[in-house]
PDB file of N, CA and C in Angstrom:
ATOM      1  N   MET A   1       5.779  -1.998 -12.567  1.00  0.00           N
ATOM      2  CA  MET A   1       7.070  -2.584 -12.107  1.00  0.00           C
ATOM      3  C   MET A   1       8.408  -1.900 -12.682  1.00  0.00           C
ATOM      4  N   ASP A   2       8.126  -1.779 -14.274  1.00  0.00           N
ATOM      5  CA  ASP A   2       8.779  -0.791 -14.908  1.00  0.00           C
ATOM      6  C   ASP A   2       8.761   0.126 -15.054  1.00  0.00           C
ATOM      7  N   ASN A   3       7.896   1.436 -14.477  1.00  0.00           N
ATOM      8  CA  ASN A   3       7.120   1.922 -14.785  1.00  0.00           C
ATOM      9  C   ASN A   3       8.749   3.495 -13.241  1.00  0.00           C
ATOM     10  N   GLU A   4       8.730   4.786 -14.241  1.00  0.00           N
ATOM     11  CA  GLU A   4       9.172   5.164 -12.700  1.00  0.00           C
ATOM     12  C   GLU A   4       7.894   6.101 -11.725  1.00  0.00           C
ATOM     13  N   ILE A   5       8.565   5.869 -10.712  1.00  0.00           N
ATOM     14  CA  ILE A   5       7.299   6.467  -9.809  1.00  0.00           C
ATOM     15  C   ILE A   5       8.088   7.490  -9.364  1.00  0.00           C
ATOM     16  N   ASP A   6       7.337   8.883  -9.546  1.00  0.00           N
ATOM     17  CA  ASP A   6       7.291  10.121  -8.875  1.00  0.00           C
ATOM     18  C   ASP A   6       6.879   9.854  -7.541  1.00  0.00           C
ATOM     19  N   TYR A   7       7.646   9.696  -6.544  1.00  0.00           N
ATOM     20  CA  TYR A   7       7.442   9.600  -5.363  1.00  0.00           C
ATOM     21  C   TYR A   7       7.148  11.092  -4.426  1.00  0.00           C
ATOM     22  N   ASP A   8       7.841  12.082  -5.332  1.00  0.00           N
ATOM     23  CA  ASP A   8       8.009  13.702  -4.241  1.00  0.00           C
ATOM     24  C   ASP A   8       6.103  13.940  -4.605  1.00  0.00           C
ATOM     25  N   TYR A   9       5.927  13.698  -6.033  1.00  0.00           N
ATOM     26  CA  TYR A   9       4.642  14.165  -6.499  1.00  0.00           C
ATOM     27  C   TYR A   9       3.408  13.122  -5.319  1.00  0.00           C
ATOM     28  N   TRP A  10       3.754  12.296  -4.980  1.00  0.00           N
ATOM     29  CA  TRP A  10       2.648  11.732  -4.157  1.00  0.00           C
ATOM     30  C   TRP A  10       2.858  11.931  -2.833  1.00  0.00           C
ATOM     31  N   ALA A  11       3.761  11.591  -2.388  1.00  0.00           N
ATOM     32  CA  ALA A  11       4.140  12.533  -1.040  1.00  0.00           C
ATOM     33  C   ALA A  11       3.009  13.811  -0.799  1.00  0.00           C
ATOM     34  N   ARG A  12       3.753  15.140  -1.687  1.00  0.00           N
ATOM     35  CA  ARG A  12       2.915  16.164  -1.764  1.00  0.00           C
ATOM     36  C   ARG A  12       1.032  15.789  -1.184  1.00  0.00           C
ATOM     37  N   LYS A  13       0.933  15.165  -1.985  1.00  0.00           N
ATOM     38  CA  LYS A  13      -0.522  14.993  -1.506  1.00  0.00           C
ATOM     39  C   LYS A  13      -1.040  13.930  -0.568  1.00  0.00           C
ATOM     40  N   ILE A  14      -0.020  13.563  -0.007  1.00  0.00           N
ATOM     41  CA  ILE A  14      -0.115  12.689   1.133  1.00  0.00           C
ATOM     42  C   ILE A  14       0.316  13.246   2.597  1.00  0.00           C
ATOM     43  N   SER A  15       1.564  13.959   2.664  1.00  0.00           N
ATOM     44  CA  SER A  15       2.141  14.107   3.676  1.00  0.00           C
ATOM     45  C   SER A  15       1.774  14.973   4.575  1.00  0.00           C
ATOM     46  N   LYS A  16       0.532  15.416   4.377  1.00  0.00           N
ATOM     47  CA  LYS A  16      -0.696  16.321   5.820  1.00  0.00           C
ATOM     48  C   LYS A  16      -0.696  14.985   6.561  1.00  0.00           C
ATOM     49  N   TYR A  17      -0.868  13.780   6.224  1.00  0.00           N
ATOM     50  CA  TYR A  17      -1.415  12.910   7.117  1.00  0.00           C
ATOM     51  C   TYR A  17      -0.135  12.395   8.262  1.00  0.00           C
ATOM     52  N   PRO A  18      -1.069  12.079   9.146  1.00  0.00           N
ATOM     53  CA  PRO A  18       0.086  11.158  10.127  1.00  0.00           C
ATOM     54  C   PRO A  18       0.712   9.767   9.163  1.00  0.00           C
ATOM     55  N   ILE A  19       2.379   9.903   9.306  1.00  0.00           N
ATOM     56  CA  ILE A  19       2.927   8.887   8.775  1.00  0.00           C
ATOM     57  C   ILE A  19       2.394   7.349   9.515  1.00  0.00           C
ATOM     58  N   HIS A  20       2.247   6.944  10.474  1.00  0.00           N
ATOM     59  CA  HIS A  20       2.184   5.839  10.952  1.00  0.00           C
ATOM     60  C   HIS A  20       0.742   5.567  10.653  1.00  0.00           C
ATOM     61  N   ILE A  21      -0.524   6.656  10.261  1.00  0.00           N
ATOM     62  CA  ILE A  21      -1.576   5.686   9.677  1.00  0.00           C
ATOM     63  C   ILE A  21      -1.566   6.073   8.259  1.00  0.00           C
ATOM     64  N   LEU A  22      -0.475   6.471   7.656  1.00  0.00           N
ATOM     65  CA  LEU A  22      -0.450   5.990   6.381  1.00  0.00           C
ATOM     66  C   LEU A  22       0.715   4.456   5.968  1.00  0.00           C
ATOM     67  N   LYS A  23       1.342   4.637   7.336  1.00  0.00           N
ATOM     68  CA  LYS A  23       1.830   3.447   6.880  1.00  0.00           C
ATOM     69  C   LYS A  23       1.131   1.947   7.332  1.00  0.00           C
ATOM     70  N   ASP A  24       0.406   2.429   8.129  1.00  0.00           N
ATOM     71  CA  ASP A  24      -1.209   1.498   8.476  1.00  0.00           C
ATOM     72  C   ASP A  24      -1.916   1.136   7.097  1.00  0.00           C
ATOM     73  N   ILE A  25      -1.975   1.951   6.447  1.00  0.00           N
ATOM     74  CA  ILE A  25      -2.999   1.988   5.057  1.00  0.00           C
ATOM     75  C   ILE A  25      -1.963   1.226   4.070  1.00  0.00           C
ATOM     76  N   TYR A  26      -1.039   1.059   3.959  1.00  0.00           N
ATOM     77  CA  TYR A  26       0.137   1.264   2.844  1.00  0.00           C
ATOM     78  C   TYR A  26      -0.482  -0.345   3.396  1.00  0.00           C
ATOM     79  N   PHE A  27       0.715  -1.372   4.589  1.00  0.00           N
ATOM     80  CA  PHE A  27       0.702  -2.626   4.605  1.00  0.00           C
ATOM     81  C   PHE A  27      -0.992  -3.135   4.833  1.00  0.00           C
ATOM     82  N   SER A  28      -1.681  -2.785   5.602  1.00  0.00           N
ATOM     83  CA  SER A  28      -2.910  -3.357   5.803  1.00  0.00           C
ATOM     84  C   SER A  28      -4.347  -3.366   5.065  1.00  0.00           C
ATOM     85  N   GLU A  29      -4.325  -2.607   3.968  1.00  0.00           N
ATOM     86  CA  GLU A  29      -5.141  -2.333   2.839  1.00  0.00           C
ATOM     87  C   GLU A  29      -4.643  -1.603   2.113  1.00  0.00           C
ATOM     88  N   VAL A  30      -3.496  -1.250   1.134  1.00  0.00           N
ATOM     89  CA  VAL A  30      -3.245  -1.385  -0.157  1.00  0.00           C
ATOM     90  C   VAL A  30      -2.155  -2.468  -0.081  1.00  0.00           C
ATOM     91  N   ALA A  31      -1.064  -3.037   0.394  1.00  0.00           N
ATOM     92  CA  ALA A  31      -0.690  -4.569  -0.052  1.00  0.00           C
ATOM     93  C   ALA A  31      -1.142  -5.559  -0.124  1.00  0.00           C
ATOM     94  N   PRO A  32      -1.957  -5.815   0.623  1.00  0.00           N
ATOM     95  CA  PRO A  32      -3.024  -7.120   0.460  1.00  0.00           C
ATOM     96  C   PRO A  32      -3.339  -7.248  -1.115  1.00  0.00           C
ATOM     97  N   VAL A  33      -3.537  -6.068  -1.985  1.00  0.00           N
ATOM     98  CA  VAL A  33      -4.418  -6.327  -3.081  1.00  0.00           C
ATOM     99  C   VAL A  33      -3.257  -6.186  -4.314  1.00  0.00           C
ATOM    100  N   CYS A  34      -2.177  -4.854  -4.160  1.00  0.00           N
ATOM    101  CA  CYS A  34      -1.101  -4.666  -4.921  1.00  0.00           C
ATOM    102  C   CYS A  34       0.026  -5.965  -4.467  1.00  0.00           C
ATOM    103  N   GLY A  35       0.085  -6.236  -3.414  1.00  0.00           N
ATOM    104  CA  GLY A  35       1.254  -7.331  -2.992  1.00  0.00           C
ATOM    105  C   GLY A  35       0.971  -8.373  -4.044  1.00  0.00           C
ATOM    106  N   PRO A  36       0.408  -9.100  -4.153  1.00  0.00           N
ATOM    107  CA  PRO A  36       0.346 -10.278  -4.938  1.00  0.00           C
ATOM    108  C   PRO A  36       1.118 -10.051  -6.641  1.00  0.00           C
ATOM    109  N   ASN A  37       0.674  -8.918  -6.845  1.00  0.00           N
ATOM    110  CA  ASN A  37       1.757  -8.177  -8.023  1.00  0.00           C
ATOM    111  C   ASN A  37       2.745  -8.157  -8.365  1.00  0.00           C
ATOM    112  N   VAL A  38       2.655  -6.671  -7.265  1.00  0.00           N
ATOM    113  CA  VAL A  38       4.649  -6.398  -7.020  1.00  0.00           C
ATOM    114  C   VAL A  38       5.599  -7.737  -6.944  1.00  0.00           C
ATOM    115  N   LEU A  39       5.244  -8.812  -6.283  1.00  0.00           N
ATOM    116  CA  LEU A  39       5.900  -9.515  -5.374  1.00  0.00           C
ATOM    117  C   LEU A  39       6.563 -10.894  -6.603  1.00  0.00           C
ATOM    118  N   THR A  40       5.093 -10.858  -7.700  1.00  0.00           N
ATOM    119  CA  THR A  40       5.721 -12.028  -9.043  1.00  0.00           C
ATOM    120  C   THR A  40       6.466 -11.566  -9.770  1.00  0.00           C
ATOM    121  N   PRO A  41       7.334 -12.621 -10.189  1.00  0.00           N
ATOM    122  CA  PRO A  41       8.226 -12.130 -11.481  1.00  0.00           C
ATOM    123  C   PRO A  41       7.694 -11.370 -12.320  1.00  0.00           C
ATOM    124  N   ALA A  42       6.657 -12.199 -12.628  1.00  0.00           N
ATOM    125  CA  ALA A  42       6.026 -11.332 -14.278  1.00  0.00           C
ATOM    126  C   ALA A  42       4.943 -11.582 -13.688  1.00  0.00           C
ATOM    127  N   PRO A  43       4.907 -10.003 -13.514  1.00  0.00           N
ATOM    128  CA  PRO A  43       3.259  -9.748 -12.763  1.00  0.00           C
ATOM    129  C   PRO A  43       2.888  -9.424 -14.222  1.00  0.00           C
ATOM    130  N   PRO A  44       1.151  -9.999 -13.896  1.00  0.00           N
ATOM    131  CA  PRO A  44       0.378  -9.912 -14.979  1.00  0.00           C
ATOM    132  C   PRO A  44      -0.164  -8.201 -15.431  1.00  0.00           C
ATOM    133  N   ILE A  45      -0.221  -7.225 -14.239  1.00  0.00           N
ATOM    134  CA  ILE A  45      -0.600  -5.886 -14.339  1.00  0.00           C
ATOM    135  C   ILE A  45       0.742  -5.150 -13.774  1.00  0.00           C
ATOM    136  N   TRP A  46       1.258  -4.712 -14.996  1.00  0.00           N
ATOM    137  CA  TRP A  46       2.580  -3.849 -15.152  1.00  0.00           C
ATOM    138  C   TRP A  46       2.291  -2.194 -15.244  1.00  0.00           C
ATOM    139  N   GLN A  47       1.400  -2.168 -16.316  1.00  0.00           N
ATOM    140  CA  GLN A  47       0.878  -0.586 -16.556  1.00  0.00           C
ATOM    141  C   GLN A  47       0.884   0.427 -15.629  1.00  0.00           C
ATOM    142  N   GLY A  48       0.238   0.140 -14.994  1.00  0.00           N
ATOM    143  CA  GLY A  48      -0.179   0.740 -13.559  1.00  0.00           C
ATOM    144  C   GLY A  48      -1.767   0.158 -13.387  1.00  0.00           C
ATOM    145  N   PHE A  49      -2.643   0.825 -12.017  1.00  0.00           N
ATOM    146  CA  PHE A  49      -3.616   0.160 -11.417  1.00  0.00           C
ATOM    147  C   PHE A  49      -4.695   1.035 -11.817  1.00  0.00           C
ATOM    148  N   ASP A  50      -5.421   0.285 -12.068  1.00  0.00           N
ATOM    149  CA  ASP A  50      -7.274   1.374 -11.793  1.00  0.00           C
ATOM    150  C   ASP A  50      -7.071   1.889 -10.567  1.00  0.00           C
ATOM    151  N   ALA A  51      -7.292   2.891 -10.127  1.00  0.00           N
ATOM    152  CA  ALA A  51      -8.115   3.398  -8.680  1.00  0.00           C
ATOM    153  C   ALA A  51      -9.245   3.024  -8.331  1.00  0.00           C
ATOM    154  N   GLU A  52     -10.445   2.721  -9.442  1.00  0.00           N
ATOM    155  CA  GLU A  52     -11.565   2.134  -8.583  1.00  0.00           C
ATOM    156  C   GLU A  52     -11.348   0.917  -8.232  1.00  0.00           C
ATOM    157  N   SER A  53     -10.766   0.183  -9.197  1.00  0.00           N
ATOM    158  CA  SER A  53     -11.215  -1.656  -8.918  1.00  0.00           C
ATOM    159  C   SER A  53      -9.921  -1.889  -8.081  1.00  0.00           C
ATOM    160  N   MET A  54      -9.248  -1.081  -7.838  1.00  0.00           N
ATOM    161  CA  MET A  54      -8.163  -1.621  -6.889  1.00  0.00           C
ATOM    162  C   MET A  54      -8.739  -0.648  -4.850  1.00  0.00           C
ATOM    163  N   THR A  55      -9.796   0.088  -5.436  1.00  0.00           N
ATOM    164  CA  THR A  55     -11.128   0.970  -4.160  1.00  0.00           C
ATOM    165  C   THR A  55     -11.905   0.212  -3.865  1.00  0.00           C
ATOM    166  N   LYS A  56     -12.375  -0.823  -5.163  1.00  0.00           N
ATOM    167  CA  LYS A  56     -13.738  -1.658  -4.983  1.00  0.00           C
ATOM    168  C   LYS A  56     -13.030  -3.339  -4.017  1.00  0.00           C
ATOM    169  N   LYS A  57     -11.604  -3.248  -4.853  1.00  0.00           N
ATOM    170  CA  LYS A  57     -10.970  -4.786  -3.991  1.00  0.00           C
ATOM    171  C   LYS A  57     -10.713  -4.292  -2.174  1.00  0.00           C
ATOM    172  N   ILE A  58     -10.055  -3.249  -2.114  1.00  0.00           N
ATOM    173  CA  ILE A  58      -9.885  -3.010  -0.789  1.00  0.00           C
ATOM    174  C   ILE A  58     -10.892  -2.695   0.564  1.00  0.00           C
ATOM    175  N   LYS A  59     -12.413  -2.436  -0.191  1.00  0.00           N
ATOM    176  CA  LYS A  59     -13.450  -1.970   0.596  1.00  0.00           C
ATOM    177  C   LYS A  59     -13.600  -3.743   1.016  1.00  0.00           C
ATOM    178  N   ALA A  60     -13.610  -4.481  -0.235  1.00  0.00           N
ATOM    179  CA  ALA A  60     -14.620  -5.870  -0.258  1.00  0.00           C
ATOM    180  C   ALA A  60     -13.576  -6.631   0.899  1.00  0.00           C
ATOM    181  N   ASN A  61     -11.823  -6.537   0.900  1.00  0.00           N
ATOM    182  CA  ASN A  61     -11.488  -6.976   1.537  1.00  0.00           C
ATOM    183  C   ASN A  61     -11.263  -6.318   3.276  1.00  0.00           C
ATOM    184  N   LEU A  62     -11.719  -5.499   3.134  1.00  0.00           N
ATOM    185  CA  LEU A  62     -12.249  -4.533   4.821  1.00  0.00           C
ATOM    186  C   LEU A  62     -13.358  -5.234   5.458  1.00  0.00           C
ATOM    187  N   SER A  63     -14.520  -5.446   4.581  1.00  0.00           N
ATOM    188  CA  SER A  63     -16.013  -5.945   4.558  1.00  0.00           C
ATOM    189  C   SER A  63     -15.725  -6.570   5.282  1.00  0.00           C
ATOM    190  N   LYS A  64     -15.051  -8.479   4.502  1.00  0.00           N
ATOM    191  CA  LYS A  64     -15.206  -9.538   4.519  1.00  0.00           C
ATOM    192  C   LYS A  64     -14.208  -9.660   6.102  1.00  0.00           C
ATOM    193  N   ARG A  65     -13.467  -8.688   6.048  1.00  0.00           N
ATOM    194  CA  ARG A  65     -12.574  -8.575   6.677  1.00  0.00           C
ATOM    195  C   ARG A  65     -13.330  -8.684   8.503  1.00  0.00           C
ATOM    196  N   ARG A  66     -14.271  -7.585   8.777  1.00  0.00           N
ATOM    197  CA  ARG A  66     -14.914  -7.137   9.406  1.00  0.00           C
ATOM    198  C   ARG A  66     -15.996  -8.397   9.942  1.00  0.00           C
ATOM    199  N   ASP A  67     -16.437  -8.942   8.638  1.00  0.00           N
ATOM    200  CA  ASP A  67     -17.035  -9.663   8.816  1.00  0.00           C
ATOM    201  C   ASP A  67     -17.801 -11.000   9.120  1.00  0.00           C
ATOM    202  N   SER A  68     -15.393 -11.624   9.285  1.00  0.00           N
ATOM    203  CA  SER A  68     -15.329 -13.106   9.544  1.00  0.00           C
ATOM    204  C   SER A  68     -14.450 -12.821  10.025  1.00  0.00           C
ATOM    205  N   PHE A  69     -14.414 -13.933  11.198  1.00  0.00           N
ATOM    206  CA  PHE A  69     -13.145 -13.638  11.979  1.00  0.00           C
ATOM    207  C   PHE A  69     -12.534 -14.530  11.402  1.00  0.00           C
ATOM    208  N   PHE A  70     -12.573 -15.773  11.188  1.00  0.00           N
ATOM    209  CA  PHE A  70     -11.560 -16.366  10.203  1.00  0.00           C
ATOM    210  C   PHE A  70     -10.807 -16.280   8.551  1.00  0.00           C
ATOM    211  N   TYR A  71     -11.467 -15.037   8.510  1.00  0.00           N
ATOM    212  CA  TYR A  71     -11.245 -13.912   7.668  1.00  0.00           C
ATOM    213  C   TYR A  71     -10.367 -13.118   7.658  1.00  0.00           C
ATOM    214  N   ARG A  72     -10.663 -12.393   9.069  1.00  0.00           N
ATOM    215  CA  ARG A  72     -10.014 -11.785   9.919  1.00  0.00           C
ATOM    216  C   ARG A  72      -8.508 -12.697  10.223  1.00  0.00           C
ATOM    217  N   LEU A  73      -8.411 -13.565  10.914  1.00  0.00           N
ATOM    218  CA  LEU A  73      -7.086 -14.029  11.129  1.00  0.00           C
ATOM    219  C   LEU A  73      -6.614 -14.404   9.882  1.00  0.00           C
ATOM    220  N   ARG A  74      -6.904 -14.688   8.221  1.00  0.00           N
ATOM    221  CA  ARG A  74      -5.916 -15.056   7.374  1.00  0.00           C
ATOM    222  C   ARG A  74      -5.875 -13.743   6.845  1.00  0.00           C
ATOM    223  N   TYR A  75      -6.119 -12.737   7.234  1.00  0.00           N
ATOM    224  CA  TYR A  75      -6.179 -11.887   6.227  1.00  0.00           C
ATOM    225  C   TYR A  75      -5.131 -10.870   7.239  1.00  0.00           C
ATOM    226  N   ASP A  76      -5.303 -10.703   8.669  1.00  0.00           N
ATOM    227  CA  ASP A  76      -4.078 -10.224   9.306  1.00  0.00           C
ATOM    228  C   ASP A  76      -2.538 -10.738   9.193  1.00  0.00           C
ATOM    229  N   ALA A  77      -2.755 -12.133   8.873  1.00  0.00           N
ATOM    230  CA  ALA A  77      -1.312 -13.009   8.881  1.00  0.00           C
ATOM    231  C   ALA A  77      -1.062 -12.817   7.325  1.00  0.00           C
ATOM    232  N   ASN A  78      -1.862 -12.432   5.991  1.00  0.00           N
ATOM    233  CA  ASN A  78      -1.077 -12.143   5.570  1.00  0.00           C
ATOM    234  C   ASN A  78      -0.482  -9.996   5.305  1.00  0.00           C
ATOM    235  N   VAL A  79      -1.249  -9.626   5.672  1.00  0.00           N
ATOM    236  CA  VAL A  79      -0.599  -8.101   6.464  1.00  0.00           C
ATOM    237  C   VAL A  79       0.710  -8.553   7.135  1.00  0.00           C
ATOM    238  N   LEU A  80       0.825  -9.244   7.736  1.00  0.00           N
ATOM    239  CA  LEU A  80       2.212  -9.625   8.540  1.00  0.00           C
ATOM    240  C   LEU A  80       3.375  -9.877   7.908  1.00  0.00           C
ATOM    241  N   TYR A  81       2.863 -10.593   6.190  1.00  0.00           N
ATOM    242  CA  TYR A  81       3.589 -11.045   5.363  1.00  0.00           C
ATOM    243  C   TYR A  81       4.328 -10.089   4.857  1.00  0.00           C
ATOM    244  N   TYR A  82       3.267  -9.054   4.467  1.00  0.00           N
ATOM    245  CA  TYR A  82       2.913  -8.034   3.661  1.00  0.00           C
ATOM    246  C   TYR A  82       4.440  -6.871   4.292  1.00  0.00           C
ATOM    247  N   ARG A  83       4.039  -6.937   5.594  1.00  0.00           N
ATOM    248  CA  ARG A  83       5.295  -5.671   6.014  1.00  0.00           C
ATOM    249  C   ARG A  83       5.994  -6.282   5.941  1.00  0.00           C
ATOM    250  N   VAL A  84       6.665  -7.418   5.921  1.00  0.00           N
ATOM    251  CA  VAL A  84       7.837  -8.040   5.391  1.00  0.00           C
ATOM    252  C   VAL A  84       8.544  -7.789   4.082  1.00  0.00           C
ATOM    253  N   ALA A  85       7.383  -8.680   3.036  1.00  0.00           N
ATOM    254  CA  ALA A  85       7.594  -8.293   1.802  1.00  0.00           C
ATOM    255  C   ALA A  85       7.587  -7.171   1.364  1.00  0.00           C
ATOM    256  N   CYS A  86       6.975  -6.464   1.736  1.00  0.00           N
ATOM    257  CA  CYS A  86       6.545  -5.415   0.675  1.00  0.00           C
ATOM    258  C   CYS A  86       7.244  -3.845   1.625  1.00  0.00           C
ATOM    259  N   ARG A  87       8.210  -4.324   2.538  1.00  0.00           N
ATOM    260  CA  ARG A  87       9.126  -3.419   3.616  1.00  0.00           C
ATOM    261  C   ARG A  87      10.139  -2.129   2.328  1.00  0.00           C
ATOM    262  N   SER A  88      10.319  -2.955   1.602  1.00  0.00           N
ATOM    263  CA  SER A  88      11.293  -2.463   0.743  1.00  0.00           C
ATOM    264  C   SER A  88      10.847  -1.447  -0.533  1.00  0.00           C
ATOM    265  N   PHE A  89       9.558  -1.328  -0.645  1.00  0.00           N
ATOM    266  CA  PHE A  89       8.603  -0.347  -1.441  1.00  0.00           C
ATOM    267  C   PHE A  89       7.792   0.705  -0.661  1.00  0.00           C
ATOM    268  N   TRP A  90       8.006   0.289   1.154  1.00  0.00           N
ATOM    269  CA  TRP A  90       7.253   1.564   1.308  1.00  0.00           C
ATOM    270  C   TRP A  90       8.480   2.564   2.025  1.00  0.00           C
ATOM    271  N   ILE A  91      10.068   2.170   1.969  1.00  0.00           N
ATOM    272  CA  ILE A  91      10.845   2.915   2.419  1.00  0.00           C
ATOM    273  C   ILE A  91      10.687   4.012   1.310  1.00  0.00           C
ATOM    274  N   PRO A  92      10.938   4.182   0.097  1.00  0.00           N
ATOM    275  CA  PRO A  92      11.046   5.226  -0.667  1.00  0.00           C
ATOM    276  C   PRO A  92       9.473   6.217  -0.141  1.00  0.00           C
ATOM    277  N   ILE A  93       8.372   5.408  -0.654  1.00  0.00           N
ATOM    278  CA  ILE A  93       7.508   6.719   0.097  1.00  0.00           C
ATOM    279  C   ILE A  93       7.373   7.592   1.196  1.00  0.00           C
ATOM    280  N   GLU A  94       8.028   6.568   2.342  1.00  0.00           N
ATOM    281  CA  GLU A  94       8.237   7.385   3.784  1.00  0.00           C
ATOM    282  C   GLU A  94       9.473   8.669   3.572  1.00  0.00           C
ATOM    283  N   GLN A  95      10.511   8.080   3.096  1.00  0.00           N
ATOM    284  CA  GLN A  95      11.323   8.894   2.708  1.00  0.00           C
ATOM    285  C   GLN A  95      11.318  10.214   1.877  1.00  0.00           C
ATOM    286  N   ALA A  96      10.245  10.155   1.146  1.00  0.00           N
ATOM    287  CA  ALA A  96       9.526  10.727   0.219  1.00  0.00           C
ATOM    288  C   ALA A  96       8.828  12.044   1.053  1.00  0.00           C
ATOM    289  N   ILE A  97       8.066  11.246   1.820  1.00  0.00           N
ATOM    290  CA  ILE A  97       6.723  11.900   2.857  1.00  0.00           C
ATOM    291  C   ILE A  97       7.732  13.085   3.211  1.00  0.00           C
ATOM    292  N   LEU A  98       8.943  12.303   4.418  1.00  0.00           N
ATOM    293  CA  LEU A  98       9.559  12.971   4.748  1.00  0.00           C
ATOM    294  C   LEU A  98      10.445  14.328   4.564  1.00  0.00           C
ATOM    295  N   ARG A  99      11.127  14.248   3.356  1.00  0.00           N
ATOM    296  CA  ARG A  99      11.756  14.847   2.522  1.00  0.00           C
ATOM    297  C   ARG A  99      10.341  16.217   2.223  1.00  0.00           C
ATOM    298  N   ASN A 100       9.272  15.742   1.981  1.00  0.00           N
ATOM    299  CA  ASN A 100       8.293  16.881   1.583  1.00  0.00           C
ATOM    300  C   ASN A 100       7.947  17.462   2.694  1.00  0.00           C
ATOM    301  N   ARG A 101       8.107  17.050   3.820  1.00  0.00           N
ATOM    302  CA  ARG A 101       7.418  17.378   5.469  1.00  0.00           C
ATOM    303  C   ARG A 101       8.941  18.645   5.789  1.00  0.00           C
ATOM    304  N   ASN A 102      10.104  18.066   5.775  1.00  0.00           N
ATOM    305  CA  ASN A 102      11.346  18.780   5.819  1.00  0.00           C
ATOM    306  C   ASN A 102      11.200  20.360   4.588  1.00  0.00           C
ATOM    307  N   GLU A 103      10.788  20.188   3.216  1.00  0.00           N
ATOM    308  CA  GLU A 103      10.647  21.260   2.553  1.00  0.00           C
ATOM    309  C   GLU A 103       9.994  22.288   3.174  1.00  0.00           C
ATOM    310  N   GLN A 104       8.411  21.800   3.472  1.00  0.00           N
ATOM    311  CA  GLN A 104       7.689  23.015   4.145  1.00  0.00           C
ATOM    312  C   GLN A 104       8.012  23.342   5.446  1.00  0.00           C
ATOM    313  N   THR A 105       8.821  22.826   5.929  1.00  0.00           N
ATOM    314  CA  THR A 105       9.359  23.890   7.180  1.00  0.00           C
ATOM    315  C   THR A 105      10.108  24.341   6.762  1.00  0.00           C
TER     316      THR A 105
END
């Protein structure tokens, strides 16, 4: 939370992908895993995230979503919530992606 994020660095890594797909991945896969932490006033994880652990959690969520109708309903409701609650976190990411694309042309 209090670490500086180099959006331009990350944008260079992902800007080749369609922005609508990146946005969907952000809100439907990443936000359900990271959202509870970043939306907490005193987050338990503030030094960074373990990429392997996050990947496992994302895969587990997607698997449960695929296998259970009721989990899918709850999960999709959470995604709608995160589209609103984490919108401000997406804006600088999208701006960096667009900036990177403009620099490449």
